[in-house]
Amino acid sequence: MDETTVWLTSEQEDAWRSLMAGLMLLPGALDAQLQRDAALTHAGYTVLSSLSEAPERAIRMSRLAAMANMSMSRLSHLVDRLEGQGWVERQPVPGDGRSTMAVLTETGWEKVVATAPGHVDNVRTLIFDELSAAQVKQLKKIFDTVNARLDPENRLRGCGGAVRP
């Protein structure tokens, strides 16, 4: 073993293990509710809700990929599926023949409006119902600090899935 390694304290290791368990369990819980109630994955809902919050309900595909923390290839496949449902359409960016916009359709907007209440209920149940107001503030402060390290360019600003259309 490297003698210069500064190991986690017992408290840090306990916190790390708890965080990792939550990171592994949360995506499945979010997906299960969205699949059951709306026939959507969490990734699909994140894209739709991000578009619902954007000016003119449109975002360049490259920006949307960054916001959703997806490769362009993965986003393109997801948008293909969302287009097939009539929820999203692709449009060229005016004056830029190389770029494409993802645009939320009216049917897509209706899907977000119909899906958001169940999603927010699930988020409340899974995360917030058992936390005090002080814990919610602390949770935000903790993740603002962590996210500043993980995402210094703030690529994920505006993502996460709207809980209010």
N, C-alpha and C. Protein backbone atom coordinates (compact mmCIF):
# COMPACT_ATOMS: atom_id res chain seq x y z
N MET A 1 0.83 -1.19 0.00
CA MET A 1 0.00 0.00 0.00
C MET A 1 0.87 1.25 0.00
N ASP A 2 0.34 2.28 -0.60
CA ASP A 2 1.04 3.56 -0.65
C ASP A 2 0.91 4.25 0.70
N GLU A 3 2.03 4.55 1.33
CA GLU A 3 2.01 5.15 2.66
C GLU A 3 1.57 6.60 2.64
N THR A 4 1.47 7.22 1.46
CA THR A 4 1.06 8.63 1.39
C THR A 4 -0.45 8.78 1.23
N THR A 5 -1.14 7.68 1.04
CA THR A 5 -2.60 7.75 0.88
C THR A 5 -3.25 8.21 2.18
N VAL A 6 -4.11 9.21 2.05
CA VAL A 6 -4.89 9.66 3.20
C VAL A 6 -6.25 8.98 3.09
N TRP A 7 -6.48 7.98 3.92
CA TRP A 7 -7.69 7.19 3.86
C TRP A 7 -8.86 7.97 4.43
N LEU A 8 -10.05 7.57 4.03
CA LEU A 8 -11.26 8.18 4.57
C LEU A 8 -11.37 7.87 6.05
N THR A 9 -11.90 8.83 6.79
CA THR A 9 -12.19 8.55 8.19
C THR A 9 -13.38 7.59 8.22
N SER A 10 -13.64 7.04 9.38
CA SER A 10 -14.79 6.15 9.53
C SER A 10 -16.09 6.85 9.16
N GLU A 11 -16.23 8.10 9.60
CA GLU A 11 -17.44 8.87 9.29
C GLU A 11 -17.55 9.16 7.79
N GLN A 12 -16.41 9.49 7.17
CA GLN A 12 -16.40 9.74 5.73
C GLN A 12 -16.74 8.48 4.95
N GLU A 13 -16.20 7.36 5.37
CA GLU A 13 -16.49 6.10 4.69
C GLU A 13 -17.96 5.73 4.83
N ASP A 14 -18.53 5.92 6.01
CA ASP A 14 -19.95 5.65 6.19
C ASP A 14 -20.80 6.55 5.29
N ALA A 15 -20.44 7.84 5.23
CA ALA A 15 -21.17 8.77 4.36
C ALA A 15 -21.02 8.37 2.89
N TRP A 16 -19.80 7.99 2.50
CA TRP A 16 -19.54 7.56 1.12
C TRP A 16 -20.40 6.35 0.76
N ARG A 17 -20.43 5.37 1.62
CA ARG A 17 -21.21 4.16 1.35
C ARG A 17 -22.71 4.48 1.25
N SER A 18 -23.18 5.36 2.11
CA SER A 18 -24.58 5.77 2.06
C SER A 18 -24.88 6.51 0.76
N LEU A 19 -23.99 7.42 0.38
CA LEU A 19 -24.15 8.15 -0.89
C LEU A 19 -24.17 7.18 -2.07
N MET A 20 -23.24 6.26 -2.11
CA MET A 20 -23.17 5.31 -3.23
C MET A 20 -24.43 4.45 -3.30
N ALA A 21 -24.94 4.02 -2.17
CA ALA A 21 -26.18 3.23 -2.16
C ALA A 21 -27.32 4.05 -2.77
N GLY A 22 -27.43 5.32 -2.36
CA GLY A 22 -28.47 6.18 -2.91
C GLY A 22 -28.31 6.40 -4.40
N LEU A 23 -27.07 6.61 -4.84
CA LEU A 23 -26.82 6.82 -6.28
C LEU A 23 -27.17 5.58 -7.10
N MET A 24 -27.01 4.41 -6.51
CA MET A 24 -27.35 3.18 -7.23
C MET A 24 -28.85 2.90 -7.20
N LEU A 25 -29.52 3.25 -6.12
CA LEU A 25 -30.94 2.93 -5.98
C LEU A 25 -31.87 3.96 -6.62
N LEU A 26 -31.51 5.23 -6.60
CA LEU A 26 -32.40 6.28 -7.06
C LEU A 26 -32.78 6.18 -8.54
N PRO A 27 -31.83 5.95 -9.45
CA PRO A 27 -32.25 5.88 -10.87
C PRO A 27 -33.30 4.82 -11.14
N GLY A 28 -33.16 3.66 -10.54
CA GLY A 28 -34.15 2.61 -10.74
C GLY A 28 -35.51 2.98 -10.20
N ALA A 29 -35.54 3.64 -9.03
CA ALA A 29 -36.81 4.06 -8.44
C ALA A 29 -37.49 5.13 -9.29
N LEU A 30 -36.71 6.07 -9.83
CA LEU A 30 -37.29 7.09 -10.70
C LEU A 30 -37.80 6.47 -11.99
N ASP A 31 -37.00 5.59 -12.58
CA ASP A 31 -37.40 4.92 -13.82
C ASP A 31 -38.66 4.08 -13.62
N ALA A 32 -38.73 3.35 -12.52
CA ALA A 32 -39.87 2.45 -12.29
C ALA A 32 -41.18 3.23 -12.29
N GLN A 33 -41.23 4.34 -11.56
CA GLN A 33 -42.46 5.13 -11.51
C GLN A 33 -42.79 5.71 -12.87
N LEU A 34 -41.79 6.28 -13.54
CA LEU A 34 -42.05 6.90 -14.85
C LEU A 34 -42.47 5.87 -15.89
N GLN A 35 -41.84 4.71 -15.87
CA GLN A 35 -42.22 3.64 -16.81
C GLN A 35 -43.65 3.19 -16.54
N ARG A 36 -43.95 2.96 -15.27
CA ARG A 36 -45.28 2.47 -14.89
C ARG A 36 -46.38 3.48 -15.22
N ASP A 37 -46.15 4.73 -14.87
CA ASP A 37 -47.21 5.72 -14.97
C ASP A 37 -47.24 6.48 -16.29
N ALA A 38 -46.11 6.55 -17.00
CA ALA A 38 -46.06 7.41 -18.18
C ALA A 38 -45.37 6.78 -19.39
N ALA A 39 -44.95 5.52 -19.27
CA ALA A 39 -44.23 4.84 -20.35
C ALA A 39 -43.02 5.65 -20.81
N LEU A 40 -42.30 6.22 -19.84
CA LEU A 40 -41.10 7.01 -20.09
C LEU A 40 -39.97 6.54 -19.20
N THR A 41 -38.74 6.66 -19.68
CA THR A 41 -37.59 6.48 -18.81
C THR A 41 -37.31 7.82 -18.14
N HIS A 42 -36.50 7.80 -17.10
CA HIS A 42 -36.11 9.06 -16.48
C HIS A 42 -35.32 9.92 -17.47
N ALA A 43 -34.49 9.30 -18.29
CA ALA A 43 -33.74 10.05 -19.31
C ALA A 43 -34.70 10.72 -20.29
N GLY A 44 -35.73 10.02 -20.71
CA GLY A 44 -36.72 10.59 -21.62
C GLY A 44 -37.46 11.74 -20.98
N TYR A 45 -37.83 11.57 -19.72
CA TYR A 45 -38.52 12.65 -19.02
C TYR A 45 -37.59 13.86 -18.84
N THR A 46 -36.33 13.61 -18.56
CA THR A 46 -35.37 14.70 -18.41
C THR A 46 -35.29 15.52 -19.69
N VAL A 47 -35.24 14.85 -20.83
CA VAL A 47 -35.18 15.55 -22.11
C VAL A 47 -36.47 16.34 -22.34
N LEU A 48 -37.61 15.71 -22.16
CA LEU A 48 -38.88 16.41 -22.37
C LEU A 48 -39.02 17.60 -21.43
N SER A 49 -38.70 17.41 -20.17
CA SER A 49 -38.87 18.51 -19.22
C SER A 49 -37.86 19.62 -19.47
N SER A 50 -36.65 19.28 -19.87
CA SER A 50 -35.67 20.31 -20.22
C SER A 50 -36.18 21.14 -21.39
N LEU A 51 -36.74 20.48 -22.39
CA LEU A 51 -37.31 21.21 -23.52
C LEU A 51 -38.49 22.07 -23.08
N SER A 52 -39.30 21.57 -22.15
CA SER A 52 -40.48 22.31 -21.70
C SER A 52 -40.10 23.62 -21.01
N GLU A 53 -38.91 23.67 -20.43
CA GLU A 53 -38.46 24.86 -19.71
C GLU A 53 -37.65 25.81 -20.58
N ALA A 54 -37.29 25.39 -21.79
CA ALA A 54 -36.43 26.19 -22.66
C ALA A 54 -37.23 27.25 -23.41
N PRO A 55 -36.59 28.36 -23.75
CA PRO A 55 -37.26 29.35 -24.60
C PRO A 55 -37.74 28.69 -25.90
N GLU A 56 -38.97 28.94 -26.25
CA GLU A 56 -39.59 28.37 -27.45
C GLU A 56 -39.60 26.84 -27.44
N ARG A 57 -39.37 26.27 -26.23
CA ARG A 57 -39.37 24.81 -26.06
C ARG A 57 -38.43 24.11 -27.04
N ALA A 58 -37.27 24.71 -27.26
CA ALA A 58 -36.30 24.19 -28.22
C ALA A 58 -34.88 24.35 -27.66
N ILE A 59 -34.05 23.34 -27.90
CA ILE A 59 -32.65 23.37 -27.46
C ILE A 59 -31.81 22.69 -28.55
N ARG A 60 -30.64 23.26 -28.83
CA ARG A 60 -29.71 22.59 -29.75
C ARG A 60 -29.40 21.20 -29.20
N MET A 61 -29.31 20.24 -30.09
CA MET A 61 -29.06 18.86 -29.67
C MET A 61 -27.75 18.77 -28.87
N SER A 62 -26.71 19.48 -29.28
CA SER A 62 -25.44 19.42 -28.56
C SER A 62 -25.59 19.95 -27.13
N ARG A 63 -26.34 21.01 -26.95
CA ARG A 63 -26.58 21.57 -25.61
C ARG A 63 -27.43 20.61 -24.79
N LEU A 64 -28.45 20.03 -25.41
CA LEU A 64 -29.32 19.09 -24.72
C LEU A 64 -28.54 17.86 -24.26
N ALA A 65 -27.62 17.39 -25.09
CA ALA A 65 -26.78 16.24 -24.71
C ALA A 65 -25.96 16.59 -23.47
N ALA A 66 -25.39 17.79 -23.44
CA ALA A 66 -24.62 18.21 -22.27
C ALA A 66 -25.51 18.33 -21.05
N MET A 67 -26.68 18.93 -21.21
CA MET A 67 -27.61 19.11 -20.08
C MET A 67 -28.06 17.78 -19.51
N ALA A 68 -28.26 16.80 -20.38
CA ALA A 68 -28.74 15.48 -19.94
C ALA A 68 -27.59 14.53 -19.61
N ASN A 69 -26.35 15.03 -19.74
CA ASN A 69 -25.16 14.22 -19.47
C ASN A 69 -25.15 12.95 -20.31
N MET A 70 -25.44 13.12 -21.61
CA MET A 70 -25.49 11.99 -22.55
C MET A 70 -24.56 12.26 -23.71
N SER A 71 -24.10 11.19 -24.32
CA SER A 71 -23.37 11.33 -25.58
C SER A 71 -24.37 11.76 -26.65
N MET A 72 -23.85 12.35 -27.72
CA MET A 72 -24.72 12.73 -28.83
C MET A 72 -25.41 11.50 -29.41
N SER A 73 -24.70 10.39 -29.48
CA SER A 73 -25.28 9.17 -30.02
C SER A 73 -26.45 8.69 -29.16
N ARG A 74 -26.25 8.65 -27.86
CA ARG A 74 -27.33 8.19 -26.96
C ARG A 74 -28.51 9.14 -27.05
N LEU A 75 -28.24 10.46 -27.05
CA LEU A 75 -29.34 11.42 -27.15
C LEU A 75 -30.07 11.26 -28.46
N SER A 76 -29.35 11.06 -29.55
CA SER A 76 -29.98 10.90 -30.86
C SER A 76 -30.93 9.71 -30.87
N HIS A 77 -30.52 8.59 -30.28
CA HIS A 77 -31.39 7.41 -30.21
C HIS A 77 -32.62 7.70 -29.35
N LEU A 78 -32.41 8.40 -28.24
CA LEU A 78 -33.53 8.75 -27.37
C LEU A 78 -34.50 9.69 -28.09
N VAL A 79 -33.97 10.70 -28.77
CA VAL A 79 -34.83 11.63 -29.51
C VAL A 79 -35.56 10.90 -30.62
N ASP A 80 -34.93 9.91 -31.25
CA ASP A 80 -35.64 9.09 -32.24
C ASP A 80 -36.90 8.49 -31.63
N ARG A 81 -36.76 7.92 -30.43
CA ARG A 81 -37.91 7.30 -29.76
C ARG A 81 -38.96 8.35 -29.38
N LEU A 82 -38.51 9.49 -28.89
CA LEU A 82 -39.45 10.55 -28.52
C LEU A 82 -40.15 11.12 -29.75
N GLU A 83 -39.44 11.20 -30.87
CA GLU A 83 -40.06 11.62 -32.13
C GLU A 83 -41.12 10.62 -32.57
N GLY A 84 -40.80 9.34 -32.41
CA GLY A 84 -41.75 8.29 -32.77
C GLY A 84 -43.06 8.39 -32.01
N GLN A 85 -42.99 8.94 -30.80
CA GLN A 85 -44.20 9.13 -29.98
C GLN A 85 -44.90 10.45 -30.33
N GLY A 86 -44.25 11.27 -31.14
CA GLY A 86 -44.83 12.56 -31.49
C GLY A 86 -44.57 13.65 -30.46
N TRP A 87 -43.64 13.42 -29.52
CA TRP A 87 -43.39 14.35 -28.44
C TRP A 87 -42.30 15.38 -28.76
N VAL A 88 -41.42 15.03 -29.67
CA VAL A 88 -40.29 15.89 -30.03
C VAL A 88 -40.15 15.86 -31.54
N GLU A 89 -39.65 16.96 -32.10
CA GLU A 89 -39.26 16.94 -33.51
C GLU A 89 -37.91 17.63 -33.63
N ARG A 90 -37.19 17.25 -34.65
CA ARG A 90 -35.91 17.89 -34.95
C ARG A 90 -36.15 18.98 -35.99
N GLN A 91 -35.45 20.10 -35.82
CA GLN A 91 -35.51 21.19 -36.79
C GLN A 91 -34.11 21.72 -37.01
N PRO A 92 -33.79 22.12 -38.22
CA PRO A 92 -32.47 22.72 -38.44
C PRO A 92 -32.36 24.05 -37.71
N VAL A 93 -31.15 24.38 -37.28
CA VAL A 93 -30.90 25.68 -36.67
C VAL A 93 -30.79 26.70 -37.80
N PRO A 94 -31.62 27.74 -37.78
CA PRO A 94 -31.55 28.73 -38.84
C PRO A 94 -30.14 29.32 -38.95
N GLY A 95 -29.61 29.33 -40.17
CA GLY A 95 -28.29 29.89 -40.41
C GLY A 95 -27.13 28.99 -40.05
N ASP A 96 -27.40 27.78 -39.59
CA ASP A 96 -26.33 26.85 -39.22
C ASP A 96 -26.71 25.46 -39.72
N GLY A 97 -26.25 25.13 -40.91
CA GLY A 97 -26.62 23.87 -41.53
C GLY A 97 -26.09 22.63 -40.84
N ARG A 98 -25.17 22.81 -39.89
CA ARG A 98 -24.59 21.65 -39.21
C ARG A 98 -25.29 21.32 -37.90
N SER A 99 -26.10 22.22 -37.39
CA SER A 99 -26.71 22.02 -36.07
C SER A 99 -28.21 21.75 -36.19
N THR A 100 -28.69 21.01 -35.21
CA THR A 100 -30.10 20.63 -35.16
C THR A 100 -30.66 20.99 -33.80
N MET A 101 -31.90 21.44 -33.81
CA MET A 101 -32.63 21.73 -32.58
C MET A 101 -33.58 20.57 -32.28
N ALA A 102 -33.72 20.25 -31.01
CA ALA A 102 -34.81 19.38 -30.57
C ALA A 102 -35.90 20.32 -30.10
N VAL A 103 -37.13 20.08 -30.56
CA VAL A 103 -38.25 20.96 -30.26
C VAL A 103 -39.37 20.13 -29.65
N LEU A 104 -39.89 20.57 -28.51
CA LEU A 104 -41.01 19.90 -27.88
C LEU A 104 -42.28 20.24 -28.65
N THR A 105 -43.00 19.22 -29.05
CA THR A 105 -44.26 19.44 -29.75
C THR A 105 -45.36 19.75 -28.74
N GLU A 106 -46.50 20.15 -29.22
CA GLU A 106 -47.64 20.38 -28.33
C GLU A 106 -48.02 19.09 -27.61
N THR A 107 -47.96 17.97 -28.33
CA THR A 107 -48.24 16.66 -27.71
C THR A 107 -47.20 16.35 -26.64
N GLY A 108 -45.95 16.73 -26.90
CA GLY A 108 -44.88 16.55 -25.91
C GLY A 108 -45.12 17.39 -24.67
N TRP A 109 -45.57 18.63 -24.89
CA TRP A 109 -45.90 19.51 -23.77
C TRP A 109 -47.01 18.88 -22.92
N GLU A 110 -48.03 18.36 -23.58
CA GLU A 110 -49.13 17.70 -22.87
C GLU A 110 -48.62 16.49 -22.09
N LYS A 111 -47.65 15.78 -22.64
CA LYS A 111 -47.06 14.63 -21.94
C LYS A 111 -46.34 15.07 -20.68
N VAL A 112 -45.58 16.16 -20.77
CA VAL A 112 -44.88 16.67 -19.58
C VAL A 112 -45.89 17.10 -18.52
N VAL A 113 -46.92 17.84 -18.94
CA VAL A 113 -47.95 18.31 -18.00
C VAL A 113 -48.64 17.12 -17.32
N ALA A 114 -48.91 16.08 -18.07
CA ALA A 114 -49.57 14.90 -17.50
C ALA A 114 -48.64 14.09 -16.60
N THR A 115 -47.35 14.09 -16.90
CA THR A 115 -46.38 13.26 -16.19
C THR A 115 -45.84 13.93 -14.93
N ALA A 116 -45.72 15.24 -14.94
CA ALA A 116 -45.07 15.97 -13.85
C ALA A 116 -45.67 15.70 -12.47
N PRO A 117 -46.99 15.66 -12.30
CA PRO A 117 -47.52 15.42 -10.94
C PRO A 117 -47.07 14.09 -10.33
N GLY A 118 -47.09 13.03 -11.10
CA GLY A 118 -46.64 11.74 -10.58
C GLY A 118 -45.15 11.73 -10.28
N HIS A 119 -44.39 12.41 -11.15
CA HIS A 119 -42.94 12.48 -10.93
C HIS A 119 -42.63 13.25 -9.65
N VAL A 120 -43.28 14.41 -9.47
CA VAL A 120 -43.00 15.19 -8.26
C VAL A 120 -43.45 14.45 -7.01
N ASP A 121 -44.54 13.73 -7.08
CA ASP A 121 -44.96 12.92 -5.93
C ASP A 121 -43.89 11.89 -5.58
N ASN A 122 -43.32 11.26 -6.62
CA ASN A 122 -42.29 10.26 -6.40
C ASN A 122 -41.03 10.89 -5.82
N VAL A 123 -40.62 12.03 -6.35
CA VAL A 123 -39.44 12.72 -5.83
C VAL A 123 -39.66 13.12 -4.37
N ARG A 124 -40.84 13.63 -4.06
CA ARG A 124 -41.14 13.98 -2.66
C ARG A 124 -41.04 12.75 -1.76
N THR A 125 -41.66 11.66 -2.20
CA THR A 125 -41.66 10.43 -1.40
C THR A 125 -40.24 9.90 -1.21
N LEU A 126 -39.49 9.84 -2.30
CA LEU A 126 -38.16 9.24 -2.24
C LEU A 126 -37.13 10.11 -1.53
N ILE A 127 -37.25 11.42 -1.64
CA ILE A 127 -36.20 12.30 -1.16
C ILE A 127 -36.65 13.23 -0.03
N PHE A 128 -37.72 13.96 -0.21
CA PHE A 128 -37.99 15.11 0.65
C PHE A 128 -38.92 14.89 1.83
N ASP A 129 -39.83 13.94 1.75
CA ASP A 129 -40.83 13.79 2.81
C ASP A 129 -40.23 13.57 4.20
N GLU A 130 -39.12 12.91 4.29
CA GLU A 130 -38.52 12.60 5.59
C GLU A 130 -37.44 13.60 6.00
N LEU A 131 -37.21 14.64 5.20
CA LEU A 131 -36.18 15.64 5.52
C LEU A 131 -36.81 16.89 6.11
N SER A 132 -36.12 17.50 7.05
CA SER A 132 -36.55 18.79 7.59
C SER A 132 -36.16 19.89 6.59
N ALA A 133 -36.71 21.08 6.79
CA ALA A 133 -36.35 22.21 5.94
C ALA A 133 -34.85 22.48 6.02
N ALA A 134 -34.28 22.34 7.21
CA ALA A 134 -32.83 22.56 7.37
C ALA A 134 -32.04 21.50 6.60
N GLN A 135 -32.51 20.25 6.61
CA GLN A 135 -31.82 19.20 5.86
C GLN A 135 -31.89 19.44 4.36
N VAL A 136 -33.02 19.95 3.88
CA VAL A 136 -33.16 20.26 2.45
C VAL A 136 -32.16 21.34 2.07
N LYS A 137 -32.04 22.39 2.89
CA LYS A 137 -31.06 23.45 2.62
C LYS A 137 -29.65 22.90 2.64
N GLN A 138 -29.36 22.02 3.59
CA GLN A 138 -28.03 21.42 3.68
C GLN A 138 -27.76 20.52 2.49
N LEU A 139 -28.76 19.75 2.06
CA LEU A 139 -28.61 18.90 0.88
C LEU A 139 -28.24 19.74 -0.35
N LYS A 140 -28.94 20.84 -0.54
CA LYS A 140 -28.64 21.73 -1.66
C LYS A 140 -27.23 22.28 -1.54
N LYS A 141 -26.87 22.72 -0.36
CA LYS A 141 -25.53 23.28 -0.16
C LYS A 141 -24.45 22.23 -0.45
N ILE A 142 -24.67 21.03 0.03
CA ILE A 142 -23.70 19.95 -0.20
C ILE A 142 -23.55 19.69 -1.69
N PHE A 143 -24.66 19.53 -2.40
CA PHE A 143 -24.56 19.19 -3.82
C PHE A 143 -24.14 20.37 -4.67
N ASP A 144 -24.43 21.59 -4.26
CA ASP A 144 -23.88 22.75 -4.98
C ASP A 144 -22.35 22.70 -4.91
N THR A 145 -21.82 22.36 -3.73
CA THR A 145 -20.37 22.28 -3.55
C THR A 145 -19.78 21.13 -4.37
N VAL A 146 -20.39 19.96 -4.26
CA VAL A 146 -19.89 18.79 -5.01
C VAL A 146 -20.00 19.03 -6.51
N ASN A 147 -21.16 19.54 -6.95
CA ASN A 147 -21.37 19.75 -8.38
C ASN A 147 -20.42 20.79 -8.97
N ALA A 148 -20.02 21.77 -8.19
CA ALA A 148 -19.06 22.76 -8.68
C ALA A 148 -17.73 22.10 -9.01
N ARG A 149 -17.38 21.05 -8.28
CA ARG A 149 -16.16 20.29 -8.58
C ARG A 149 -16.35 19.35 -9.77
N LEU A 150 -17.51 18.71 -9.82
CA LEU A 150 -17.76 17.72 -10.87
C LEU A 150 -18.09 18.36 -12.21
N ASP A 151 -18.68 19.54 -12.18
CA ASP A 151 -19.17 20.20 -13.40
C ASP A 151 -18.79 21.68 -13.38
N PRO A 152 -17.49 21.99 -13.43
CA PRO A 152 -17.08 23.40 -13.31
C PRO A 152 -17.60 24.28 -14.44
N GLU A 153 -17.91 23.69 -15.59
CA GLU A 153 -18.48 24.47 -16.70
C GLU A 153 -19.99 24.63 -16.57
N ASN A 154 -20.57 24.02 -15.55
CA ASN A 154 -22.01 24.12 -15.29
C ASN A 154 -22.83 23.61 -16.48
N ARG A 155 -22.37 22.51 -17.09
CA ARG A 155 -23.06 21.92 -18.24
C ARG A 155 -24.45 21.43 -17.89
N LEU A 156 -24.63 20.97 -16.67
CA LEU A 156 -25.89 20.35 -16.29
C LEU A 156 -26.91 21.34 -15.73
N ARG A 157 -26.58 22.62 -15.80
CA ARG A 157 -27.52 23.65 -15.34
C ARG A 157 -28.85 23.46 -16.09
N GLY A 158 -29.91 23.43 -15.36
CA GLY A 158 -31.23 23.34 -15.98
C GLY A 158 -31.69 21.92 -16.24
N CYS A 159 -30.93 20.94 -15.79
CA CYS A 159 -31.37 19.57 -16.05
C CYS A 159 -31.97 18.98 -14.78
N GLY A 160 -32.33 17.72 -14.87
CA GLY A 160 -32.78 17.03 -13.68
C GLY A 160 -34.24 16.65 -13.72
N GLY A 161 -34.92 17.13 -14.67
CA GLY A 161 -36.32 16.76 -14.79
C GLY A 161 -37.21 17.74 -14.05
N ALA A 162 -37.98 18.46 -14.78
CA ALA A 162 -38.87 19.45 -14.17
C ALA A 162 -39.86 18.77 -13.27
N VAL A 163 -40.12 19.41 -12.18
CA VAL A 163 -41.16 18.93 -11.28
C VAL A 163 -42.35 19.88 -11.32
N ARG A 164 -42.27 20.86 -12.20
CA ARG A 164 -43.37 21.79 -12.39
C ARG A 164 -43.35 22.23 -13.86
N PRO A 165 -44.36 21.86 -14.65
CA PRO A 165 -44.35 22.26 -16.06
C PRO A 165 -44.63 23.75 -16.22
